[in-house]
């Protein structure tokens, strides 16, 4: 569960980075996207901007990224959202996967909720038909959850009804009078005194364990092996950047520009790419004819994840170390990669930088490829 916490908190930092990358407003980013209350959208719905409002009905999945994503209407499908705040006041018939500074739900979720953020809160009016997987600094479970709840983070509080077991790992957990956990409650804490379980709130067994780690020799808080791996990793990114700049400097510059000119689209493409690509690849591998293409797609996917860590350095380098009047792309990119990798050594911030690179880097790469393919189609002569 600790790995899940790291991964999902990183998405939060990516969202915060995107706010800072939005620039001076000349990039063409849509500021506000609204699906009106009287409108019905058929099929997948993609939206990104400073504010995304779903007031109407979407008969399909919703993919949204923004400073604030709010659903007051109905989504007859899945909701995949990332932003500073994700607020669900309406109804989502299937699963919800959300990451952001604040995740709030006072509406209805038909199936499962997967959420990560600084705060994850289900109000007393919320209803989740399936289970909850959540990570964050402050976790509050109110309303009704149909099945199990799995959480990790700083502090967790249960004030609603949980239809299954509760498992938690983190700082502290509490249940208040009036809450009900129909199954068992298992918590792993650093200090058992941080568990405050009100009498009569848990039907099953309550098990509280402590997790005290053995202190070993470290370098800047990392094990020696981890520390030197990070150094070698940073050097490999620098070498890869130098080679790519020598081979195709225009493409490298375009990848960085695509991110800081259109940050929300980069986030959205990265979010979709990370989830959809392996699914498509595995589906191709299920057929004999599609195996070569599936293996190629997976290989390309893992290479893209590696290169995505370099793209964040390119973005930072272009924005911080390379004013528009200069053309020192290589020096700027190297400086950007070094700065980003130094940030990965900062406790708590480091993992967030990595996920920011994954989302922004992969999204920027996809955006550049999309633009290149579009340009190639426009330049192709018509068939006789």
Protein backbone atom coordinates (compact mmCIF):
# COMPACT_ATOMS: atom_id res chain seq x y z
CA UNK A 1 0.00 0.00 0.00
CA UNK A 2 2.96 2.34 0.54
CA UNK A 3 3.83 2.02 -3.12
CA UNK A 4 0.28 2.96 -4.02
CA UNK A 5 0.55 6.01 -1.76
CA UNK A 6 3.70 7.20 -3.49
CA UNK A 7 2.30 6.69 -6.97
CA UNK A 8 -0.93 8.47 -6.33
CA UNK A 9 0.57 11.38 -4.40
CA UNK A 10 2.88 11.93 -7.34
CA UNK A 11 -0.11 12.57 -9.53
CA UNK A 12 -1.10 15.34 -7.14
CA UNK A 13 2.28 17.01 -7.60
CA UNK A 14 1.97 16.68 -11.36
CA UNK A 15 -1.29 18.61 -11.17
CA UNK A 16 0.36 21.36 -9.11
CA UNK A 17 3.24 21.56 -11.57
CA UNK A 18 0.81 21.99 -14.42
CA UNK A 19 -0.72 25.03 -12.76
CA UNK A 20 2.72 26.58 -12.64
CA UNK A 21 3.46 25.65 -16.24
CA UNK A 22 0.34 27.31 -17.59
CA UNK A 23 2.37 30.37 -18.49
CA UNK A 24 1.06 33.79 -19.39
CA UNK A 25 -2.27 32.74 -20.87
CA UNK A 26 -1.07 32.94 -24.47
CA UNK A 27 -0.68 29.21 -24.90
CA UNK A 28 -4.24 28.64 -26.07
CA UNK A 29 -5.22 26.51 -23.06
CA UNK A 30 -8.98 26.43 -22.59
CA UNK A 31 -9.76 28.18 -19.30
CA UNK A 32 -13.23 26.78 -18.61
CA UNK A 33 -15.01 23.78 -20.08
CA UNK A 34 -18.68 23.22 -19.25
CA UNK A 35 -21.12 20.52 -20.33
CA UNK A 36 -24.48 22.29 -19.79
CA UNK A 37 -27.15 20.76 -17.59
CA UNK A 38 -29.55 20.22 -20.51
CA UNK A 39 -26.98 18.56 -22.78
CA UNK A 40 -26.40 14.83 -23.35
CA UNK A 41 -23.05 13.69 -24.74
CA UNK A 42 -22.81 10.26 -26.36
CA UNK A 43 -19.49 8.38 -26.14
CA UNK A 44 -16.18 9.24 -24.51
CA UNK A 45 -15.83 12.78 -23.20
CA UNK A 46 -12.39 14.45 -23.04
CA UNK A 47 -11.91 17.80 -21.31
CA UNK A 48 -9.04 19.85 -19.92
CA UNK A 49 -8.76 23.42 -18.63
CA UNK A 50 -8.51 25.50 -15.50
CA UNK A 51 -12.05 24.44 -14.66
CA UNK A 52 -14.03 21.48 -16.00
CA UNK A 53 -17.74 21.29 -15.11
CA UNK A 54 -19.94 18.29 -15.96
CA UNK A 55 -23.48 19.53 -15.38
CA UNK A 56 -25.26 17.44 -18.01
CA UNK A 57 -25.18 13.74 -18.90
CA UNK A 58 -22.37 11.75 -20.47
CA UNK A 59 -23.27 8.31 -21.82
CA UNK A 60 -19.70 7.04 -21.81
CA UNK A 61 -16.42 7.43 -19.98
CA UNK A 62 -15.11 10.84 -18.92
CA UNK A 63 -11.40 11.77 -19.02
CA UNK A 64 -10.82 15.16 -17.43
CA UNK A 65 -7.89 17.21 -16.15
CA UNK A 66 -7.88 20.73 -14.74
CA UNK A 67 -7.39 23.04 -11.82
CA UNK A 68 -10.83 21.92 -10.71
CA UNK A 69 -12.90 19.04 -12.08
CA UNK A 70 -16.49 18.99 -10.83
CA UNK A 71 -19.26 16.54 -11.68
CA UNK A 72 -22.72 17.75 -10.77
CA UNK A 73 -24.49 15.82 -13.52
CA UNK A 74 -24.48 12.15 -14.54
CA UNK A 75 -21.71 10.02 -15.99
CA UNK A 76 -22.95 6.69 -17.31
CA UNK A 77 -19.49 5.15 -17.41
CA UNK A 78 -16.11 5.59 -15.73
CA UNK A 79 -14.69 8.89 -14.50
CA UNK A 80 -10.91 9.37 -14.75
CA UNK A 81 -9.89 12.78 -13.43
CA UNK A 82 -6.82 14.65 -12.23
CA UNK A 83 -6.54 18.20 -10.95
CA UNK A 84 -6.12 20.55 -8.05
CA UNK A 85 -9.61 19.56 -6.87
CA UNK A 86 -11.91 16.75 -8.01
CA UNK A 87 -15.46 17.14 -6.72
CA UNK A 88 -18.25 14.63 -7.33
CA UNK A 89 -21.69 15.90 -6.39
CA UNK A 90 -23.63 14.01 -9.05
CA UNK A 91 -23.72 10.38 -10.12
CA UNK A 92 -21.10 8.14 -11.75
CA UNK A 93 -22.50 4.74 -12.69
CA UNK A 94 -19.19 2.85 -12.87
CA UNK A 95 -15.68 3.33 -11.43
CA UNK A 96 -13.98 6.57 -10.40
CA UNK A 97 -10.21 7.03 -10.54
CA UNK A 98 -9.16 10.45 -9.31
CA UNK A 99 -5.99 12.24 -8.23
CA UNK A 100 -5.58 15.78 -7.00
CA UNK A 101 -5.04 18.14 -4.11
CA UNK A 102 -8.55 17.51 -2.80
CA UNK A 103 -10.87 14.65 -3.70
CA UNK A 104 -14.41 15.18 -2.44
CA UNK A 105 -17.52 13.10 -3.00
CA UNK A 106 -21.02 13.87 -1.80
CA UNK A 107 -22.75 12.07 -4.67
CA UNK A 108 -23.12 8.48 -5.85
CA UNK A 109 -20.52 6.13 -7.34
CA UNK A 110 -21.96 2.91 -8.74
CA UNK A 111 -18.86 0.75 -8.42
CA UNK A 112 -15.36 1.38 -7.02
CA UNK A 113 -13.48 4.53 -6.02
CA UNK A 114 -9.70 4.83 -6.40
CA UNK A 115 -8.47 8.17 -5.12
CA UNK A 116 -5.25 9.91 -4.16
CA UNK A 117 -4.70 13.42 -2.92
CA UNK A 118 -3.79 15.68 -0.08
CA UNK A 119 -7.34 15.20 1.22
CA UNK A 120 -9.77 12.44 0.29
CA UNK A 121 -13.21 12.93 1.77
CA UNK A 122 -16.52 11.10 1.39
CA UNK A 123 -19.30 13.15 2.97
CA UNK A 124 -22.22 11.71 4.90
CA UNK A 125 -24.41 11.94 1.77
CA UNK A 126 -22.00 9.95 -0.40
CA UNK A 127 -22.62 6.41 -1.57
CA UNK A 128 -20.08 4.04 -3.11
CA UNK A 129 -21.54 0.79 -4.39
CA UNK A 130 -18.22 -1.07 -4.47
CA UNK A 131 -15.00 -0.62 -2.55
CA UNK A 132 -12.62 2.24 -1.84
CA UNK A 133 -8.85 2.36 -2.42
CA UNK A 134 -7.50 5.67 -1.15
CA UNK A 135 -4.20 7.36 -0.34
CA UNK A 136 -3.61 10.81 1.05
CA UNK A 137 -2.67 12.98 3.97
CA UNK A 138 -6.19 13.27 5.41
CA UNK A 139 -8.73 10.49 4.71
CA UNK A 140 -12.35 10.71 5.83
CA UNK A 141 -14.91 8.03 5.07
CA UNK A 142 -18.53 9.07 5.63
CA UNK A 143 -21.72 8.00 3.93
CA UNK A 144 -22.04 4.41 2.73
CA UNK A 145 -19.38 2.15 1.20
CA UNK A 146 -20.70 -1.18 -0.07
CA UNK A 147 -17.56 -3.30 0.23
CA UNK A 148 -14.00 -3.14 1.57
CA UNK A 149 -11.97 -0.01 2.27
CA UNK A 150 -8.18 0.00 1.81
CA UNK A 151 -6.33 3.17 2.78
CA UNK A 152 -2.84 4.46 3.36
CA UNK A 153 -1.67 7.89 4.40
CA UNK A 154 -1.44 10.28 7.32
CA UNK A 155 -4.71 10.23 9.24
CA UNK A 156 -7.90 8.28 8.55
CA UNK A 157 -11.32 8.75 10.11
CA UNK A 158 -14.42 6.60 9.60
CA UNK A 159 -17.80 8.11 10.40
CA UNK A 160 -20.02 6.27 7.91
CA UNK A 161 -21.00 2.69 7.14
CA UNK A 162 -18.54 0.26 5.55
CA UNK A 163 -19.98 -3.01 4.25
CA UNK A 164 -16.70 -4.98 4.44
CA UNK A 165 -13.25 -4.94 6.01
CA UNK A 166 -11.10 -1.87 6.60
CA UNK A 167 -7.34 -2.03 6.09
CA UNK A 168 -5.12 0.95 6.83
CA UNK A 169 -1.42 1.74 6.97
CA UNK A 170 -0.17 5.14 8.06
CA UNK A 171 -0.08 7.61 10.90
CA UNK A 172 -3.34 7.15 12.77
CA UNK A 173 -6.91 5.90 12.44
CA UNK A 174 -10.13 6.56 14.30
CA UNK A 175 -13.79 5.65 14.20
CA UNK A 176 -16.43 7.87 15.75
CA UNK A 177 -19.69 6.96 17.47
CA UNK A 178 -22.38 6.20 14.90
CA UNK A 179 -19.96 4.66 12.42
CA UNK A 180 -20.18 0.99 11.50
CA UNK A 181 -17.64 -1.39 9.98
CA UNK A 182 -19.42 -4.64 9.12
CA UNK A 183 -16.17 -6.58 8.71
CA UNK A 184 -12.80 -6.51 10.42
CA UNK A 185 -10.43 -3.59 10.96
CA UNK A 186 -6.68 -4.06 10.46
CA UNK A 187 -4.31 -1.12 10.93
CA UNK A 188 -0.54 -0.89 10.71
CA UNK A 189 0.76 2.17 12.55
CA UNK A 190 4.09 3.45 13.81
CA UNK A 191 2.51 3.94 17.23
CA UNK A 192 -0.43 1.86 18.47
CA UNK A 193 -1.64 4.80 20.58
CA UNK A 194 -2.65 6.55 17.35
CA UNK A 195 -5.62 4.17 16.97
CA UNK A 196 -8.85 5.54 18.47
CA UNK A 197 -11.61 3.00 17.85
CA UNK A 198 -14.96 3.91 19.38
CA UNK A 199 -16.69 0.99 21.13
CA UNK A 200 -19.32 -0.82 19.07
CA UNK A 201 -18.25 0.62 15.71
CA UNK A 202 -16.53 -2.53 14.38
CA UNK A 203 -18.50 -5.78 14.12
CA UNK A 204 -15.46 -7.98 13.51
CA UNK A 205 -11.96 -8.21 14.94
CA UNK A 206 -9.86 -5.09 15.52
CA UNK A 207 -6.15 -5.70 14.94
CA UNK A 208 -3.57 -2.94 15.46
CA UNK A 209 0.08 -3.67 14.63
CA UNK A 210 3.16 -1.47 14.68
CA UNK A 211 5.74 -1.09 11.95
CA UNK A 212 9.15 -0.04 13.29
CA UNK A 213 11.92 -0.05 10.72
CA UNK A 214 15.48 -0.95 11.47
CA UNK A 215 17.84 2.04 11.09
CA UNK A 216 20.65 1.36 8.63
CA UNK A 217 23.47 3.34 7.05
CA UNK A 218 22.21 5.86 4.50
CA UNK A 219 23.45 8.54 2.10
CA UNK A 220 21.17 11.60 2.11
CA UNK A 221 18.45 9.40 3.56
CA UNK A 222 18.81 6.67 0.89
CA UNK A 223 20.45 3.27 1.10
CA UNK A 224 23.89 3.27 -0.61
CA UNK A 225 22.58 1.09 -3.45
CA UNK A 226 19.57 3.35 -4.02
CA UNK A 227 21.73 6.48 -3.89
CA UNK A 228 24.21 5.30 -6.51
CA UNK A 229 21.40 3.98 -8.68
CA UNK A 230 19.91 7.48 -8.71
CA UNK A 231 23.27 8.96 -9.69
CA UNK A 232 23.70 6.47 -12.55
CA UNK A 233 20.09 7.05 -13.60
CA UNK A 234 20.63 10.81 -13.79
CA UNK A 235 23.80 10.35 -15.85
CA UNK A 236 21.97 8.01 -18.24
CA UNK A 237 19.23 10.62 -18.75
CA UNK A 238 21.84 13.27 -19.53
CA UNK A 239 23.62 11.03 -22.02
CA UNK A 240 20.31 10.10 -23.67
CA UNK A 241 19.36 13.76 -23.92
CA UNK A 242 22.67 14.67 -25.55
CA UNK A 243 22.30 11.89 -28.14
CA UNK A 244 18.71 12.86 -28.95
CA UNK A 245 19.58 16.55 -29.26
CA UNK A 246 22.42 15.71 -31.65
CA UNK A 247 20.16 13.46 -33.74
CA UNK A 248 16.90 15.42 -33.69
CA UNK A 249 17.10 18.78 -31.89
CA UNK A 250 13.80 20.01 -33.32
CA UNK A 251 11.85 17.05 -31.90
CA UNK A 252 13.45 17.54 -28.47
CA UNK A 253 12.53 21.21 -28.48
CA UNK A 254 9.00 20.43 -29.63
CA UNK A 255 8.51 17.91 -26.80
CA UNK A 256 9.35 20.54 -24.20
CA UNK A 257 7.27 23.23 -25.88
CA UNK A 258 4.26 20.92 -26.15
CA UNK A 259 4.20 20.50 -22.38
CA UNK A 260 4.51 24.09 -21.23
CA UNK A 261 2.32 25.48 -24.01
CA UNK A 262 -0.49 22.96 -23.46
CA UNK A 263 0.01 21.54 -19.93
CA UNK A 264 -3.51 20.24 -19.36
CA UNK A 265 -3.58 18.37 -22.65
CA UNK A 266 -0.16 16.89 -21.86
CA UNK A 267 -1.45 15.71 -18.49
CA UNK A 268 -4.57 14.24 -20.06
CA UNK A 269 -2.64 12.45 -22.82
CA UNK A 270 -0.13 11.15 -20.27
CA UNK A 271 -2.88 9.93 -17.96
CA UNK A 272 -4.68 8.14 -20.79
CA UNK A 273 -1.44 6.79 -22.30
CA UNK A 274 -0.23 5.22 -19.06
CA UNK A 275 -3.55 3.42 -18.57
CA UNK A 276 -4.62 2.60 -22.13
CA UNK A 277 -1.35 1.52 -23.79
CA UNK A 278 -0.69 -1.65 -21.75
CA UNK A 279 -4.36 -2.64 -22.03
CA UNK A 280 -4.24 -2.39 -25.82
CA UNK A 281 -0.90 -4.23 -25.95
CA UNK A 282 -2.15 -7.11 -23.81
CA UNK A 283 -5.31 -7.32 -25.93
CA UNK A 284 -3.19 -7.60 -29.08
CA UNK A 285 -1.06 -10.32 -27.50
CA UNK A 286 -4.22 -12.36 -26.92
CA UNK A 287 -4.35 -13.13 -30.65
CA UNK A 288 -1.67 -14.98 -32.60
CA UNK A 289 -1.55 -12.38 -35.38
CA UNK A 290 -1.38 -9.48 -32.92
CA UNK A 291 1.48 -10.82 -30.75
CA UNK A 292 4.32 -9.10 -32.69
CA UNK A 293 2.47 -5.78 -32.68
CA UNK A 294 1.59 -6.17 -28.98
CA UNK A 295 5.20 -6.91 -28.02
CA UNK A 296 6.39 -3.94 -30.11
CA UNK A 297 3.82 -1.68 -28.45
CA UNK A 298 4.89 -2.80 -24.96
CA UNK A 299 8.55 -2.22 -25.84
CA UNK A 300 7.74 1.23 -27.16
CA UNK A 301 5.68 1.89 -24.02
CA UNK A 302 8.53 1.08 -21.61
CA UNK A 303 10.99 3.12 -23.65
CA UNK A 304 8.52 6.02 -23.56
CA UNK A 305 8.31 5.76 -19.77
CA UNK A 306 12.10 5.98 -19.57
CA UNK A 307 12.28 8.94 -21.94
CA UNK A 308 9.41 10.67 -20.13
CA UNK A 309 11.71 11.23 -17.15
CA UNK A 310 13.99 13.18 -19.47
CA UNK A 311 11.18 15.32 -20.89
CA UNK A 312 10.49 16.98 -17.52
CA UNK A 313 14.15 18.04 -17.50
CA UNK A 314 13.69 19.41 -21.03
CA UNK A 315 10.63 21.39 -19.94
CA UNK A 316 12.40 22.85 -16.91
CA UNK A 317 15.53 23.55 -18.93
CA UNK A 318 13.66 25.42 -21.66
CA UNK A 319 11.58 27.41 -19.20
CA UNK A 320 14.28 28.28 -16.64
CA UNK A 321 17.66 28.07 -18.31
CA UNK A 322 16.98 28.97 -21.96
CA UNK A 323 15.37 32.39 -22.56
CA UNK A 324 13.71 32.79 -25.96
CA UNK A 325 16.63 34.94 -27.19
CA UNK A 326 19.15 32.12 -26.86
CA UNK A 327 19.48 28.77 -28.59
CA UNK A 328 21.58 26.84 -26.11
CA UNK A 329 19.24 23.87 -26.05
CA UNK A 330 21.79 21.26 -24.97
CA UNK A 331 23.13 23.24 -22.00
CA UNK A 332 19.62 24.19 -20.93
CA UNK A 333 18.38 20.59 -21.08
CA UNK A 334 21.37 19.27 -19.14
CA UNK A 335 20.84 21.94 -16.46
CA UNK A 336 17.12 21.12 -16.35
CA UNK A 337 17.74 17.39 -15.93
CA UNK A 338 20.27 18.05 -13.16
CA UNK A 339 17.82 20.33 -11.33
CA UNK A 340 14.97 17.82 -11.61
CA UNK A 341 17.15 14.95 -10.43
CA UNK A 342 18.38 16.99 -7.46
CA UNK A 343 14.73 17.52 -6.50
CA UNK A 344 14.21 13.75 -6.47
CA UNK A 345 16.55 13.60 -3.47
CA UNK A 346 14.22 15.80 -1.41
CA UNK A 347 12.08 13.72 1.00
CA UNK A 348 8.42 13.43 -0.05
CA UNK A 349 9.02 15.76 -3.02
CA UNK A 350 11.26 13.31 -4.88
CA UNK A 351 8.63 10.66 -5.69
CA UNK A 352 6.24 13.40 -6.76
CA UNK A 353 8.74 14.70 -9.30
CA UNK A 354 9.03 11.20 -10.80
CA UNK A 355 5.30 10.84 -11.43
CA UNK A 356 5.17 14.39 -12.78
CA UNK A 357 7.80 13.33 -15.30
CA UNK A 358 5.81 10.23 -16.21
CA UNK A 359 2.59 12.08 -16.88
CA UNK A 360 3.99 15.24 -18.44
CA UNK A 361 6.74 13.47 -20.35
CA UNK A 362 4.55 10.77 -21.85
CA UNK A 363 1.79 13.27 -22.53
CA UNK A 364 4.17 15.68 -24.25
CA UNK A 365 5.61 12.86 -26.36
CA UNK A 366 2.12 11.75 -27.46
CA UNK A 367 1.16 15.36 -28.23
CA UNK A 368 4.24 15.83 -30.44
CA UNK A 369 3.54 12.55 -32.27
CA UNK A 370 -0.07 13.59 -32.77
CA UNK A 371 1.01 16.93 -34.23
CA UNK A 372 3.60 15.31 -36.52
CA UNK A 373 1.07 12.79 -37.84
CA UNK A 374 -1.43 15.57 -38.43
CA UNK A 375 1.16 17.63 -40.32
CA UNK A 376 2.17 14.61 -42.41
CA UNK A 377 -1.45 13.97 -43.39
CA UNK A 378 -1.94 17.60 -44.44
CA UNK A 379 1.25 17.53 -46.53
CA UNK A 380 0.49 14.21 -48.24
CA UNK A 381 -0.66 14.66 -51.86
CA UNK A 382 -4.17 13.42 -52.59
CA UNK A 383 -4.48 10.03 -54.26
CA UNK A 384 -5.29 10.11 -57.96
